[in-house]
Amino acid sequence: MALTEAQELKVCQILGITPINLEDQLAWIGSRFTAAVQTAIEAQITLWDAGAGTKTVKIHPRESNKGVETNPMMARADIKRNIAILLEMPEWAGGGMTSTLLRG
């Protein structure tokens, strides 16, 4: 199985990584990148594209019930974390490359 070029670019945008880093990681994962992993990543991309996290609201009980907190970044952080874990690079969930990827 393989992600399409468009899906790879979307993953790079979501995680804040370069295409070469993603390509290197996919090559390293090799046969562990199964159809199930691909389907799970595609599902996360679909959630992202559907605007996940743009309408997240928490209700805080108050006397007047006016305690509303919006936190759209929480859902987006979950999507980033899920994709990063599926790609076996949980450190990518932080939003970008902070160090060089070295594989020996």
C-alpha atoms as a PDB file:
ATOM      1  CA  MET A   1       0.000   0.000   0.000  1.00  0.00           C
ATOM      2  CA  ALA A   2       1.112   3.558  -0.553  1.00  0.00           C
ATOM      3  CA  LEU A   3      -0.268   7.005   0.053  1.00  0.00           C
ATOM      4  CA  THR A   4      -0.911   9.101  -3.026  1.00  0.00           C
ATOM      5  CA  GLU A   5       1.335  12.089  -3.633  1.00  0.00           C
ATOM      6  CA  ALA A   6      -1.509  14.399  -2.612  1.00  0.00           C
ATOM      7  CA  GLN A   7      -2.001  12.465   0.643  1.00  0.00           C
ATOM      8  CA  GLU A   8       1.724  12.584   1.375  1.00  0.00           C
ATOM      9  CA  LEU A   9       1.756  16.345   0.854  1.00  0.00           C
ATOM     10  CA  LYS A  10      -1.277  16.734   3.129  1.00  0.00           C
ATOM     11  CA  VAL A  11       0.457  14.687   5.846  1.00  0.00           C
ATOM     12  CA  CYS A  12       3.517  16.940   5.496  1.00  0.00           C
ATOM     13  CA  GLN A  13       1.344  20.035   5.869  1.00  0.00           C
ATOM     14  CA  ILE A  14      -0.507  18.635   8.869  1.00  0.00           C
ATOM     15  CA  LEU A  15       2.658  17.561  10.673  1.00  0.00           C
ATOM     16  CA  GLY A  16       4.862  20.435   9.524  1.00  0.00           C
ATOM     17  CA  ILE A  17       7.525  18.175   8.033  1.00  0.00           C
ATOM     18  CA  THR A  18       9.281  18.087   4.675  1.00  0.00           C
ATOM     19  CA  PRO A  19       8.347  15.604   1.953  1.00  0.00           C
ATOM     20  CA  ILE A  20      11.841  14.062   2.015  1.00  0.00           C
ATOM     21  CA  ASN A  21      11.488  13.315   5.738  1.00  0.00           C
ATOM     22  CA  LEU A  22       8.166  11.613   5.112  1.00  0.00           C
ATOM     23  CA  GLU A  23       9.549   9.642   2.162  1.00  0.00           C
ATOM     24  CA  ASP A  24      12.528   8.486   4.239  1.00  0.00           C
ATOM     25  CA  GLN A  25      10.245   7.424   7.078  1.00  0.00           C
ATOM     26  CA  LEU A  26       7.894   5.530   4.768  1.00  0.00           C
ATOM     27  CA  ALA A  27      10.888   3.722   3.237  1.00  0.00           C
ATOM     28  CA  TRP A  28      12.149   2.832   6.719  1.00  0.00           C
ATOM     29  CA  ILE A  29       8.715   1.551   7.810  1.00  0.00           C
ATOM     30  CA  GLY A  30       8.570  -0.633   4.704  1.00  0.00           C
ATOM     31  CA  SER A  31       6.255  -3.616   5.040  1.00  0.00           C
ATOM     32  CA  ARG A  32       4.910  -2.387   8.393  1.00  0.00           C
ATOM     33  CA  PHE A  33       3.004   0.239   6.393  1.00  0.00           C
ATOM     34  CA  THR A  34      -0.048  -1.954   5.892  1.00  0.00           C
ATOM     35  CA  ALA A  35      -3.436  -1.316   4.334  1.00  0.00           C
ATOM     36  CA  ALA A  36      -4.830  -0.826   7.846  1.00  0.00           C
ATOM     37  CA  VAL A  37      -2.243   1.868   8.618  1.00  0.00           C
ATOM     38  CA  GLN A  38      -2.954   3.601   5.319  1.00  0.00           C
ATOM     39  CA  THR A  39      -6.706   3.522   5.955  1.00  0.00           C
ATOM     40  CA  ALA A  40      -6.202   4.975   9.435  1.00  0.00           C
ATOM     41  CA  ILE A  41      -4.050   7.819   8.070  1.00  0.00           C
ATOM     42  CA  GLU A  42      -6.602   8.508   5.317  1.00  0.00           C
ATOM     43  CA  ALA A  43      -9.327   8.721   7.983  1.00  0.00           C
ATOM     44  CA  GLN A  44      -7.285  11.294   9.911  1.00  0.00           C
ATOM     45  CA  ILE A  45      -6.738  13.337   6.729  1.00  0.00           C
ATOM     46  CA  THR A  46     -10.500  13.247   6.108  1.00  0.00           C
ATOM     47  CA  LEU A  47     -11.177  14.543   9.633  1.00  0.00           C
ATOM     48  CA  TRP A  48      -8.632  17.334   9.124  1.00  0.00           C
ATOM     49  CA  ASP A  49     -10.105  18.303   5.751  1.00  0.00           C
ATOM     50  CA  ALA A  50     -13.613  18.282   7.218  1.00  0.00           C
ATOM     51  CA  GLY A  51     -12.534  21.008   9.626  1.00  0.00           C
ATOM     52  CA  ALA A  52     -12.053  18.939  12.737  1.00  0.00           C
ATOM     53  CA  GLY A  53     -11.487  21.152  15.683  1.00  0.00           C
ATOM     54  CA  THR A  54     -12.974  24.277  14.193  1.00  0.00           C
ATOM     55  CA  LYS A  55     -16.210  23.946  16.169  1.00  0.00           C
ATOM     56  CA  THR A  56     -15.032  22.359  19.412  1.00  0.00           C
ATOM     57  CA  VAL A  57     -16.695  23.876  22.476  1.00  0.00           C
ATOM     58  CA  LYS A  58     -16.518  23.011  26.162  1.00  0.00           C
ATOM     59  CA  ILE A  59     -19.351  24.013  28.486  1.00  0.00           C
ATOM     60  CA  HIS A  60     -18.328  24.981  32.022  1.00  0.00           C
ATOM     61  CA  PRO A  61     -21.174  24.841  34.536  1.00  0.00           C
ATOM     62  CA  ARG A  62     -21.779  28.259  36.070  1.00  0.00           C
ATOM     63  CA  GLU A  63     -24.698  29.933  37.728  1.00  0.00           C
ATOM     64  CA  SER A  64     -25.634  31.611  34.481  1.00  0.00           C
ATOM     65  CA  ASN A  65     -24.319  28.786  32.197  1.00  0.00           C
ATOM     66  CA  LYS A  66     -22.279  31.304  30.223  1.00  0.00           C
ATOM     67  CA  GLY A  67     -18.973  29.517  30.807  1.00  0.00           C
ATOM     68  CA  VAL A  68     -18.096  28.470  27.253  1.00  0.00           C
ATOM     69  CA  GLU A  69     -14.544  27.673  26.219  1.00  0.00           C
ATOM     70  CA  THR A  70     -13.611  27.022  22.625  1.00  0.00           C
ATOM     71  CA  ASN A  71     -10.587  24.824  22.027  1.00  0.00           C
ATOM     72  CA  PRO A  72     -10.310  23.968  18.330  1.00  0.00           C
ATOM     73  CA  MET A  73      -6.626  23.141  18.579  1.00  0.00           C
ATOM     74  CA  MET A  74      -7.280  20.109  20.776  1.00  0.00           C
ATOM     75  CA  ALA A  75      -8.927  18.091  17.987  1.00  0.00           C
ATOM     76  CA  ARG A  76      -6.223  19.127  15.530  1.00  0.00           C
ATOM     77  CA  ALA A  77      -3.520  18.085  18.007  1.00  0.00           C
ATOM     78  CA  ASP A  78      -5.194  14.665  18.289  1.00  0.00           C
ATOM     79  CA  ILE A  79      -5.109  14.253  14.504  1.00  0.00           C
ATOM     80  CA  LYS A  80      -1.424  15.233  14.384  1.00  0.00           C
ATOM     81  CA  ARG A  81      -0.615  12.812  17.201  1.00  0.00           C
ATOM     82  CA  ASN A  82      -2.545   9.982  15.561  1.00  0.00           C
ATOM     83  CA  ILE A  83      -0.800  10.412  12.199  1.00  0.00           C
ATOM     84  CA  ALA A  84       2.632  10.752  13.820  1.00  0.00           C
ATOM     85  CA  ILE A  85       2.122   7.567  15.831  1.00  0.00           C
ATOM     86  CA  LEU A  86       0.913   5.649  12.776  1.00  0.00           C
ATOM     87  CA  LEU A  87       4.103   6.764  10.998  1.00  0.00           C
ATOM     88  CA  GLU A  88       6.158   5.581  14.000  1.00  0.00           C
ATOM     89  CA  MET A  89       7.421   9.132  14.675  1.00  0.00           C
ATOM     90  CA  PRO A  90       5.496  10.438  17.699  1.00  0.00           C
ATOM     91  CA  GLU A  91       7.892  13.386  17.950  1.00  0.00           C
ATOM     92  CA  TRP A  92       6.392  14.721  14.708  1.00  0.00           C
ATOM     93  CA  ALA A  93       3.164  15.473  16.563  1.00  0.00           C
ATOM     94  CA  GLY A  94       4.814  18.583  17.977  1.00  0.00           C
ATOM     95  CA  GLY A  95       4.272  20.510  14.751  1.00  0.00           C
ATOM     96  CA  GLY A  96       7.575  20.372  12.954  1.00  0.00           C
ATOM     97  CA  MET A  97      11.045  19.038  12.711  1.00  0.00           C
ATOM     98  CA  THR A  98      13.290  20.094  15.546  1.00  0.00           C
ATOM     99  CA  SER A  99      16.072  17.663  14.771  1.00  0.00           C
ATOM    100  CA  THR A 100      17.491  15.791  11.835  1.00  0.00           C
ATOM    101  CA  LEU A 101      16.123  12.328  11.104  1.00  0.00           C
ATOM    102  CA  LEU A 102      18.996   9.834  11.096  1.00  0.00           C
ATOM    103  CA  ARG A 103      18.536   6.173  10.254  1.00  0.00           C
ATOM    104  CA  GLY A 104      21.426   3.794  10.258  1.00  0.00           C
END
